[in-house]
Amino acid sequence: MKLVRAEYQELAKYMEHLRPTRQCMKMLKEKFSSQSQSTLLSIFSQEYQKRIKRSHVRHLTEEAIENYCQKYDLPIPLEGTTGLNKWTTLKECKPG
């Protein structure tokens, strides 16, 4: 069955509140039973990737990195490293 734009938008809106678990695919299949599982999986994957792309920047701020280092008992990255380089230079980090 062809998916119309309104159905896609309804599906995307419903997915905003779901965490990516195995149970969420069962919930999607129950709620949108007219769509195939592969269609639902593709849409779920696409919407989840959009969500990650919108939110990943929050995890790379100085404050967020320091919080993660404290939370997971990691060394705090050296001064002068930026973005993802902070995580790739953990071997060079000073003790926390």
Protein backbone atom coordinates (compact mmCIF):
# COMPACT_ATOMS: atom_id res chain seq x y z
CA MET A 1 0.00 0.00 0.00
CA LYS A 2 1.31 3.41 -0.94
CA LEU A 3 2.07 5.74 1.95
CA VAL A 4 0.55 9.22 1.60
CA ARG A 5 2.22 12.31 3.07
CA ALA A 6 -0.34 12.67 5.88
CA GLU A 7 0.28 9.08 7.00
CA TYR A 8 4.04 9.63 6.92
CA GLN A 9 3.70 12.76 9.03
CA GLU A 10 1.45 10.95 11.51
CA LEU A 11 3.97 8.12 11.70
CA ALA A 12 6.90 10.52 12.18
CA LYS A 13 5.06 12.42 14.91
CA TYR A 14 4.23 9.17 16.71
CA MET A 15 7.88 8.10 16.51
CA GLU A 16 9.13 11.29 18.17
CA HIS A 17 8.03 9.90 21.52
CA LEU A 18 9.54 6.44 21.06
CA ARG A 19 12.92 5.30 22.26
CA PRO A 20 14.74 3.04 19.79
CA THR A 21 14.03 -0.39 21.27
CA ARG A 22 12.84 -3.69 19.87
CA GLN A 23 9.42 -3.15 21.44
CA CYS A 24 8.86 0.08 19.52
CA MET A 25 8.76 -1.81 16.22
CA LYS A 26 5.98 -4.00 17.64
CA MET A 27 4.10 -0.89 18.74
CA LEU A 28 4.51 0.67 15.28
CA LYS A 29 3.30 -2.49 13.56
CA GLU A 30 0.22 -2.58 15.81
CA LYS A 31 -0.62 1.09 15.29
CA PHE A 32 0.17 1.20 11.56
CA SER A 33 -0.83 -2.33 10.55
CA SER A 34 -1.55 -1.32 6.94
CA GLN A 35 2.19 -0.72 6.34
CA SER A 36 4.82 -3.40 5.90
CA GLN A 37 7.44 -3.93 8.57
CA SER A 38 10.22 -2.98 6.14
CA THR A 39 8.47 0.33 5.40
CA LEU A 40 8.09 1.07 9.11
CA LEU A 41 11.69 0.11 9.78
CA SER A 42 12.94 2.37 6.98
CA ILE A 43 10.90 5.34 8.18
CA PHE A 44 11.91 4.73 11.79
CA SER A 45 15.57 4.61 10.80
CA GLN A 46 15.31 7.79 8.75
CA GLU A 47 13.51 9.70 11.51
CA TYR A 48 15.95 8.49 14.15
CA GLN A 49 18.91 9.64 12.03
CA LYS A 50 17.29 13.07 11.68
CA ARG A 51 16.87 13.23 15.47
CA ILE A 52 20.52 12.32 16.06
CA LYS A 53 21.74 14.87 13.52
CA ARG A 54 19.72 17.60 15.26
CA SER A 55 20.91 16.73 18.75
CA HIS A 56 24.49 15.47 18.50
CA VAL A 57 25.96 18.96 18.82
CA ARG A 58 24.67 19.18 22.42
CA HIS A 59 26.99 16.37 23.38
CA LEU A 60 30.14 18.10 22.13
CA THR A 61 30.02 21.24 24.29
CA GLU A 62 32.72 21.78 26.94
CA GLU A 63 30.19 21.39 29.74
CA ALA A 64 28.67 18.21 28.31
CA ILE A 65 32.07 16.60 27.80
CA GLU A 66 33.13 17.40 31.36
CA ASN A 67 29.84 15.97 32.67
CA TYR A 68 30.34 12.77 30.66
CA CYS A 69 33.93 12.45 31.88
CA GLN A 70 32.76 12.77 35.48
CA LYS A 71 29.75 10.50 35.00
CA TYR A 72 31.70 7.71 33.32
CA ASP A 73 34.92 8.26 35.27
CA LEU A 74 36.94 9.27 32.19
CA PRO A 75 39.92 11.60 32.14
CA ILE A 76 39.07 15.17 31.15
CA PRO A 77 40.41 16.01 27.64
CA LEU A 78 43.41 18.30 27.25
CA GLU A 79 42.90 21.99 26.61
CA GLY A 80 42.96 22.96 22.95
CA THR A 81 41.26 19.86 21.57
CA THR A 82 37.93 20.48 19.91
CA GLY A 83 34.85 18.56 18.81
CA LEU A 84 35.36 14.89 18.10
CA ASN A 85 39.13 15.31 18.57
CA LYS A 86 38.39 15.46 22.30
CA TRP A 87 37.27 11.84 22.19
CA THR A 88 40.01 10.65 19.85
CA THR A 89 42.68 12.12 22.14
CA LEU A 90 41.50 10.44 25.33
CA LYS A 91 44.82 8.57 25.45
CA GLU A 92 46.52 11.94 25.81
CA CYS A 93 44.12 13.27 28.44
CA LYS A 94 45.26 14.52 31.77
CA PRO A 95 43.85 12.63 34.78
CA GLY A 96 40.42 13.88 35.87
